[in-house]
Amino acid sequence: MPPKILKVSIEVLELSEELRAFMIKNGFQTLEMMLHYSGKELLEMEGYSYRMLKEFLGILHQHDCLDLFRDA
C-alpha cells in the first residue's frame, strides 16, 4: 500500500513554492499524480527543473517510497 503522503493534497504539503506552482499549473493535485511520469518526462515539461526533481525525490526517499519513481 502506497504511503499516505502520496495522496495528500499539495495544498497542505510542505513544498517549495516553485514545485507547488509547477504542480498547480500542470494539474497535479497530489505527489502520486507525478509518479505517472518518469524523471525524463518531468524534465521535458516546461518549467520543471533538476532542483524540483531533487526535491520530489527527497520527499519520496523521506517517506520510503523512492522505489515507486521511474527513472526513464
PDB file of N, CA and C in Angstrom:
ATOM      1  N   MET A   1       0.847  -1.191   0.000  1.00  0.00           N
ATOM      2  CA  MET A   1       0.000   0.000   0.000  1.00  0.00           C
ATOM      3  C   MET A   1       0.887   1.249   0.000  1.00  0.00           C
ATOM      4  N   PRO A   2       0.647   2.161  -0.934  1.00  0.00           N
ATOM      5  CA  PRO A   2       1.472   3.364  -1.021  1.00  0.00           C
ATOM      6  C   PRO A   2       1.314   4.243   0.228  1.00  0.00           C
ATOM      7  N   PRO A   3       2.382   4.953   0.584  1.00  0.00           N
ATOM      8  CA  PRO A   3       2.315   5.855   1.738  1.00  0.00           C
ATOM      9  C   PRO A   3       1.243   6.931   1.557  1.00  0.00           C
ATOM     10  N   LYS A   4       0.639   7.332   2.656  1.00  0.00           N
ATOM     11  CA  LYS A   4      -0.419   8.344   2.625  1.00  0.00           C
ATOM     12  C   LYS A   4       0.044   9.669   2.026  1.00  0.00           C
ATOM     13  N   ILE A   5       1.341   9.981   2.191  1.00  0.00           N
ATOM     14  CA  ILE A   5       1.866  11.263   1.694  1.00  0.00           C
ATOM     15  C   ILE A   5       1.576  11.437   0.206  1.00  0.00           C
ATOM     16  N   LEU A   6       1.493  10.344  -0.533  1.00  0.00           N
ATOM     17  CA  LEU A   6       1.273  10.422  -1.976  1.00  0.00           C
ATOM     18  C   LEU A   6      -0.136  10.880  -2.328  1.00  0.00           C
ATOM     19  N   LYS A   7      -1.077  10.705  -1.420  1.00  0.00           N
ATOM     20  CA  LYS A   7      -2.469  11.058  -1.699  1.00  0.00           C
ATOM     21  C   LYS A   7      -2.903  12.374  -1.038  1.00  0.00           C
ATOM     22  N   VAL A   8      -1.996  12.994  -0.278  1.00  0.00           N
ATOM     23  CA  VAL A   8      -2.305  14.248   0.402  1.00  0.00           C
ATOM     24  C   VAL A   8      -2.312  15.392  -0.616  1.00  0.00           C
ATOM     25  N   SER A   9      -3.270  16.282  -0.498  1.00  0.00           N
ATOM     26  CA  SER A   9      -3.354  17.435  -1.392  1.00  0.00           C
ATOM     27  C   SER A   9      -2.098  18.295  -1.275  1.00  0.00           C
ATOM     28  N   ILE A  10      -1.634  18.791  -2.404  1.00  0.00           N
ATOM     29  CA  ILE A  10      -0.444  19.655  -2.381  1.00  0.00           C
ATOM     30  C   ILE A  10      -0.711  20.951  -1.634  1.00  0.00           C
ATOM     31  N   GLU A  11      -1.971  21.260  -1.420  1.00  0.00           N
ATOM     32  CA  GLU A  11      -2.318  22.479  -0.678  1.00  0.00           C
ATOM     33  C   GLU A  11      -1.828  22.422   0.762  1.00  0.00           C
ATOM     34  N   VAL A  12      -1.692  21.215   1.318  1.00  0.00           N
ATOM     35  CA  VAL A  12      -1.282  21.084   2.720  1.00  0.00           C
ATOM     36  C   VAL A  12       0.134  20.532   2.896  1.00  0.00           C
ATOM     37  N   LEU A  13       0.756  20.091   1.818  1.00  0.00           N
ATOM     38  CA  LEU A  13       2.127  19.567   1.898  1.00  0.00           C
ATOM     39  C   LEU A  13       3.138  20.700   2.011  1.00  0.00           C
ATOM     40  N   GLU A  14       4.243  20.406   2.676  1.00  0.00           N
ATOM     41  CA  GLU A  14       5.344  21.366   2.737  1.00  0.00           C
ATOM     42  C   GLU A  14       6.185  21.201   1.474  1.00  0.00           C
ATOM     43  N   LEU A  15       5.949  22.087   0.527  1.00  0.00           N
ATOM     44  CA  LEU A  15       6.662  22.072  -0.748  1.00  0.00           C
ATOM     45  C   LEU A  15       7.221  23.458  -1.010  1.00  0.00           C
ATOM     46  N   SER A  16       8.263  23.529  -1.820  1.00  0.00           N
ATOM     47  CA  SER A  16       8.752  24.843  -2.241  1.00  0.00           C
ATOM     48  C   SER A  16       7.661  25.490  -3.088  1.00  0.00           C
ATOM     49  N   GLU A  17       7.644  26.785  -3.104  1.00  0.00           N
ATOM     50  CA  GLU A  17       6.656  27.500  -3.929  1.00  0.00           C
ATOM     51  C   GLU A  17       6.854  27.173  -5.404  1.00  0.00           C
ATOM     52  N   GLU A  18       8.086  26.957  -5.794  1.00  0.00           N
ATOM     53  CA  GLU A  18       8.410  26.617  -7.185  1.00  0.00           C
ATOM     54  C   GLU A  18       7.743  25.302  -7.590  1.00  0.00           C
ATOM     55  N   LEU A  19       7.912  24.276  -6.765  1.00  0.00           N
ATOM     56  CA  LEU A  19       7.325  22.974  -7.077  1.00  0.00           C
ATOM     57  C   LEU A  19       5.802  23.034  -6.991  1.00  0.00           C
ATOM     58  N   ARG A  20       5.280  23.694  -5.983  1.00  0.00           N
ATOM     59  CA  ARG A  20       3.817  23.813  -5.836  1.00  0.00           C
ATOM     60  C   ARG A  20       3.212  24.518  -7.054  1.00  0.00           C
ATOM     61  N   ALA A  21       3.832  25.606  -7.499  1.00  0.00           N
ATOM     62  CA  ALA A  21       3.324  26.349  -8.662  1.00  0.00           C
ATOM     63  C   ALA A  21       3.351  25.477  -9.920  1.00  0.00           C
ATOM     64  N   PHE A  22       4.427  24.714 -10.095  1.00  0.00           N
ATOM     65  CA  PHE A  22       4.517  23.817 -11.253  1.00  0.00           C
ATOM     66  C   PHE A  22       3.390  22.792 -11.215  1.00  0.00           C
ATOM     67  N   MET A  23       3.176  22.206 -10.046  1.00  0.00           N
ATOM     68  CA  MET A  23       2.158  21.171  -9.910  1.00  0.00           C
ATOM     69  C   MET A  23       0.764  21.731 -10.169  1.00  0.00           C
ATOM     70  N   ILE A  24       0.483  22.900  -9.645  1.00  0.00           N
ATOM     71  CA  ILE A  24      -0.823  23.529  -9.875  1.00  0.00           C
ATOM     72  C   ILE A  24      -1.011  23.823 -11.361  1.00  0.00           C
ATOM     73  N   LYS A  25       0.014  24.387 -11.981  1.00  0.00           N
ATOM     74  CA  LYS A  25      -0.050  24.740 -13.409  1.00  0.00           C
ATOM     75  C   LYS A  25      -0.332  23.513 -14.279  1.00  0.00           C
ATOM     76  N   ASN A  26       0.195  22.352 -13.860  1.00  0.00           N
ATOM     77  CA  ASN A  26       0.060  21.137 -14.665  1.00  0.00           C
ATOM     78  C   ASN A  26      -1.031  20.197 -14.174  1.00  0.00           C
ATOM     79  N   GLY A  27      -1.823  20.654 -13.218  1.00  0.00           N
ATOM     80  CA  GLY A  27      -2.973  19.876 -12.770  1.00  0.00           C
ATOM     81  C   GLY A  27      -2.649  18.718 -11.844  1.00  0.00           C
ATOM     82  N   PHE A  28      -1.451  18.721 -11.267  1.00  0.00           N
ATOM     83  CA  PHE A  28      -1.081  17.680 -10.313  1.00  0.00           C
ATOM     84  C   PHE A  28      -1.597  18.077  -8.940  1.00  0.00           C
ATOM     85  N   GLN A  29      -2.549  17.336  -8.420  1.00  0.00           N
ATOM     86  CA  GLN A  29      -3.130  17.662  -7.116  1.00  0.00           C
ATOM     87  C   GLN A  29      -2.470  16.897  -5.979  1.00  0.00           C
ATOM     88  N   THR A  30      -1.751  15.823  -6.322  1.00  0.00           N
ATOM     89  CA  THR A  30      -1.035  15.013  -5.331  1.00  0.00           C
ATOM     90  C   THR A  30       0.319  14.604  -5.905  1.00  0.00           C
ATOM     91  N   LEU A  31       1.209  14.171  -5.013  1.00  0.00           N
ATOM     92  CA  LEU A  31       2.506  13.658  -5.472  1.00  0.00           C
ATOM     93  C   LEU A  31       2.323  12.380  -6.282  1.00  0.00           C
ATOM     94  N   GLU A  32       1.314  11.608  -5.937  1.00  0.00           N
ATOM     95  CA  GLU A  32       1.038  10.367  -6.656  1.00  0.00           C
ATOM     96  C   GLU A  32       0.813  10.631  -8.148  1.00  0.00           C
ATOM     97  N   MET A  33       0.190  11.732  -8.476  1.00  0.00           N
ATOM     98  CA  MET A  33      -0.072  12.055  -9.882  1.00  0.00           C
ATOM     99  C   MET A  33       1.236  12.256 -10.651  1.00  0.00           C
ATOM    100  N   MET A  34       2.258  12.757  -9.964  1.00  0.00           N
ATOM    101  CA  MET A  34       3.549  12.966 -10.629  1.00  0.00           C
ATOM    102  C   MET A  34       4.273  11.648 -10.881  1.00  0.00           C
ATOM    103  N   LEU A  35       3.930  10.620 -10.119  1.00  0.00           N
ATOM    104  CA  LEU A  35       4.571   9.318 -10.307  1.00  0.00           C
ATOM    105  C   LEU A  35       4.158   8.634 -11.603  1.00  0.00           C
ATOM    106  N   HIS A  36       3.157   9.172 -12.268  1.00  0.00           N
ATOM    107  CA  HIS A  36       2.742   8.626 -13.567  1.00  0.00           C
ATOM    108  C   HIS A  36       3.736   9.000 -14.666  1.00  0.00           C
ATOM    109  N   TYR A  37       4.666   9.887 -14.337  1.00  0.00           N
ATOM    110  CA  TYR A  37       5.666  10.362 -15.297  1.00  0.00           C
ATOM    111  C   TYR A  37       7.058   9.939 -14.844  1.00  0.00           C
ATOM    112  N   SER A  38       7.900   9.650 -15.799  1.00  0.00           N
ATOM    113  CA  SER A  38       9.295   9.325 -15.483  1.00  0.00           C
ATOM    114  C   SER A  38      10.054  10.620 -15.228  1.00  0.00           C
ATOM    115  N   GLY A  39      11.244  10.488 -14.684  1.00  0.00           N
ATOM    116  CA  GLY A  39      12.088  11.665 -14.471  1.00  0.00           C
ATOM    117  C   GLY A  39      12.349  12.394 -15.777  1.00  0.00           C
ATOM    118  N   LYS A  40      12.607  11.641 -16.825  1.00  0.00           N
ATOM    119  CA  LYS A  40      12.865  12.235 -18.145  1.00  0.00           C
ATOM    120  C   LYS A  40      11.646  13.026 -18.627  1.00  0.00           C
ATOM    121  N   GLU A  41      10.469  12.438 -18.478  1.00  0.00           N
ATOM    122  CA  GLU A  41       9.242  13.112 -18.921  1.00  0.00           C
ATOM    123  C   GLU A  41       8.997  14.395 -18.121  1.00  0.00           C
ATOM    124  N   LEU A  42       9.220  14.331 -16.813  1.00  0.00           N
ATOM    125  CA  LEU A  42       9.033  15.526 -15.989  1.00  0.00           C
ATOM    126  C   LEU A  42       9.993  16.627 -16.418  1.00  0.00           C
ATOM    127  N   LEU A  43      11.251  16.261 -16.622  1.00  0.00           N
ATOM    128  CA  LEU A  43      12.254  17.262 -17.003  1.00  0.00           C
ATOM    129  C   LEU A  43      11.987  17.865 -18.378  1.00  0.00           C
ATOM    130  N   GLU A  44      11.238  17.167 -19.211  1.00  0.00           N
ATOM    131  CA  GLU A  44      10.887  17.698 -20.528  1.00  0.00           C
ATOM    132  C   GLU A  44       9.695  18.652 -20.464  1.00  0.00           C
ATOM    133  N   MET A  45       9.010  18.677 -19.328  1.00  0.00           N
ATOM    134  CA  MET A  45       7.851  19.566 -19.175  1.00  0.00           C
ATOM    135  C   MET A  45       8.337  21.003 -18.934  1.00  0.00           C
ATOM    136  N   GLU A  46       7.650  21.933 -19.533  1.00  0.00           N
ATOM    137  CA  GLU A  46       8.017  23.337 -19.403  1.00  0.00           C
ATOM    138  C   GLU A  46       7.958  23.777 -17.938  1.00  0.00           C
ATOM    139  N   GLY A  47       9.054  24.361 -17.487  1.00  0.00           N
ATOM    140  CA  GLY A  47       9.096  24.899 -16.140  1.00  0.00           C
ATOM    141  C   GLY A  47       9.598  23.941 -15.075  1.00  0.00           C
ATOM    142  N   TYR A  48       9.822  22.669 -15.434  1.00  0.00           N
ATOM    143  CA  TYR A  48      10.312  21.700 -14.440  1.00  0.00           C
ATOM    144  C   TYR A  48      11.830  21.703 -14.462  1.00  0.00           C
ATOM    145  N   SER A  49      12.450  21.696 -13.285  1.00  0.00           N
ATOM    146  CA  SER A  49      13.908  21.794 -13.200  1.00  0.00           C
ATOM    147  C   SER A  49      14.493  20.641 -12.388  1.00  0.00           C
ATOM    148  N   TYR A  50      15.807  20.508 -12.485  1.00  0.00           N
ATOM    149  CA  TYR A  50      16.506  19.496 -11.685  1.00  0.00           C
ATOM    150  C   TYR A  50      16.312  19.769 -10.193  1.00  0.00           C
ATOM    151  N   ARG A  51      16.222  21.018  -9.812  1.00  0.00           N
ATOM    152  CA  ARG A  51      16.003  21.382  -8.412  1.00  0.00           C
ATOM    153  C   ARG A  51      14.666  20.818  -7.920  1.00  0.00           C
ATOM    154  N   MET A  52      13.629  20.918  -8.743  1.00  0.00           N
ATOM    155  CA  MET A  52      12.321  20.363  -8.373  1.00  0.00           C
ATOM    156  C   MET A  52      12.375  18.837  -8.340  1.00  0.00           C
ATOM    157  N   LEU A  53      13.108  18.241  -9.285  1.00  0.00           N
ATOM    158  CA  LEU A  53      13.251  16.784  -9.300  1.00  0.00           C
ATOM    159  C   LEU A  53      13.937  16.318  -8.022  1.00  0.00           C
ATOM    160  N   LYS A  54      14.977  17.031  -7.622  1.00  0.00           N
ATOM    161  CA  LYS A  54      15.698  16.683  -6.396  1.00  0.00           C
ATOM    162  C   LYS A  54      14.770  16.780  -5.177  1.00  0.00           C
ATOM    163  N   GLU A  55      13.953  17.815  -5.127  1.00  0.00           N
ATOM    164  CA  GLU A  55      13.003  17.976  -4.018  1.00  0.00           C
ATOM    165  C   GLU A  55      11.994  16.822  -4.012  1.00  0.00           C
ATOM    166  N   PHE A  56      11.443  16.502  -5.174  1.00  0.00           N
ATOM    167  CA  PHE A  56      10.466  15.419  -5.309  1.00  0.00           C
ATOM    168  C   PHE A  56      11.070  14.088  -4.865  1.00  0.00           C
ATOM    169  N   LEU A  57      12.280  13.794  -5.343  1.00  0.00           N
ATOM    170  CA  LEU A  57      12.948  12.547  -4.979  1.00  0.00           C
ATOM    171  C   LEU A  57      13.258  12.510  -3.486  1.00  0.00           C
ATOM    172  N   GLY A  58      13.609  13.663  -2.920  1.00  0.00           N
ATOM    173  CA  GLY A  58      13.880  13.744  -1.489  1.00  0.00           C
ATOM    174  C   GLY A  58      12.642  13.413  -0.662  1.00  0.00           C
ATOM    175  N   ILE A  59      11.501  13.905  -1.090  1.00  0.00           N
ATOM    176  CA  ILE A  59      10.235  13.612  -0.388  1.00  0.00           C
ATOM    177  C   ILE A  59       9.930  12.122  -0.480  1.00  0.00           C
ATOM    178  N   LEU A  60      10.092  11.558  -1.668  1.00  0.00           N
ATOM    179  CA  LEU A  60       9.839  10.125  -1.847  1.00  0.00           C
ATOM    180  C   LEU A  60      10.770   9.302  -0.964  1.00  0.00           C
ATOM    181  N   HIS A  61      12.034   9.680  -0.933  1.00  0.00           N
ATOM    182  CA  HIS A  61      13.013   8.967  -0.108  1.00  0.00           C
ATOM    183  C   HIS A  61      12.659   9.069   1.380  1.00  0.00           C
ATOM    184  N   GLN A  62      12.302  10.256   1.803  1.00  0.00           N
ATOM    185  CA  GLN A  62      11.958  10.505   3.206  1.00  0.00           C
ATOM    186  C   GLN A  62      10.776   9.637   3.662  1.00  0.00           C
ATOM    187  N   HIS A  63       9.889   9.307   2.746  1.00  0.00           N
ATOM    188  CA  HIS A  63       8.694   8.529   3.081  1.00  0.00           C
ATOM    189  C   HIS A  63       8.780   7.087   2.560  1.00  0.00           C
ATOM    190  N   ASP A  64      10.016   6.644   2.296  1.00  0.00           N
ATOM    191  CA  ASP A  64      10.290   5.256   1.893  1.00  0.00           C
ATOM    192  C   ASP A  64       9.479   4.784   0.689  1.00  0.00           C
ATOM    193  N   CYS A  65       9.343   5.655  -0.291  1.00  0.00           N
ATOM    194  CA  CYS A  65       8.627   5.235  -1.499  1.00  0.00           C
ATOM    195  C   CYS A  65       9.382   5.634  -2.772  1.00  0.00           C
ATOM    196  N   LEU A  66      10.679   5.814  -2.650  1.00  0.00           N
ATOM    197  CA  LEU A  66      11.501   6.170  -3.807  1.00  0.00           C
ATOM    198  C   LEU A  66      11.444   5.081  -4.880  1.00  0.00           C
ATOM    199  N   ASP A  67      11.197   3.846  -4.460  1.00  0.00           N
ATOM    200  CA  ASP A  67      11.126   2.726  -5.407  1.00  0.00           C
ATOM    201  C   ASP A  67       9.954   2.863  -6.374  1.00  0.00           C
ATOM    202  N   LEU A  68       9.004   3.733  -6.083  1.00  0.00           N
ATOM    203  CA  LEU A  68       7.843   3.928  -6.971  1.00  0.00           C
ATOM    204  C   LEU A  68       8.168   4.862  -8.138  1.00  0.00           C
ATOM    205  N   PHE A  69       9.316   5.540  -8.073  1.00  0.00           N
ATOM    206  CA  PHE A  69       9.686   6.506  -9.105  1.00  0.00           C
ATOM    207  C   PHE A  69      10.352   5.802 -10.278  1.00  0.00           C
ATOM    208  N   ARG A  70       9.922   6.200 -11.492  1.00  0.00           N
ATOM    209  CA  ARG A  70      10.510   5.642 -12.721  1.00  0.00           C
ATOM    210  C   ARG A  70      11.575   6.618 -13.243  1.00  0.00           C
ATOM    211  N   ASP A  71      12.773   6.097 -13.451  1.00  0.00           N
ATOM    212  CA  ASP A  71      13.868   6.918 -13.981  1.00  0.00           C
ATOM    213  C   ASP A  71      13.637   7.302 -15.432  1.00  0.00           C
ATOM    214  N   ALA A  72      13.293   6.308 -16.224  1.00  0.00           N
ATOM    215  CA  ALA A  72      13.168   6.573 -17.661  1.00  0.00           C
ATOM    216  C   ALA A  72      11.850   6.070 -18.182  1.00  0.00           C
TER     217      ALA A  72
END
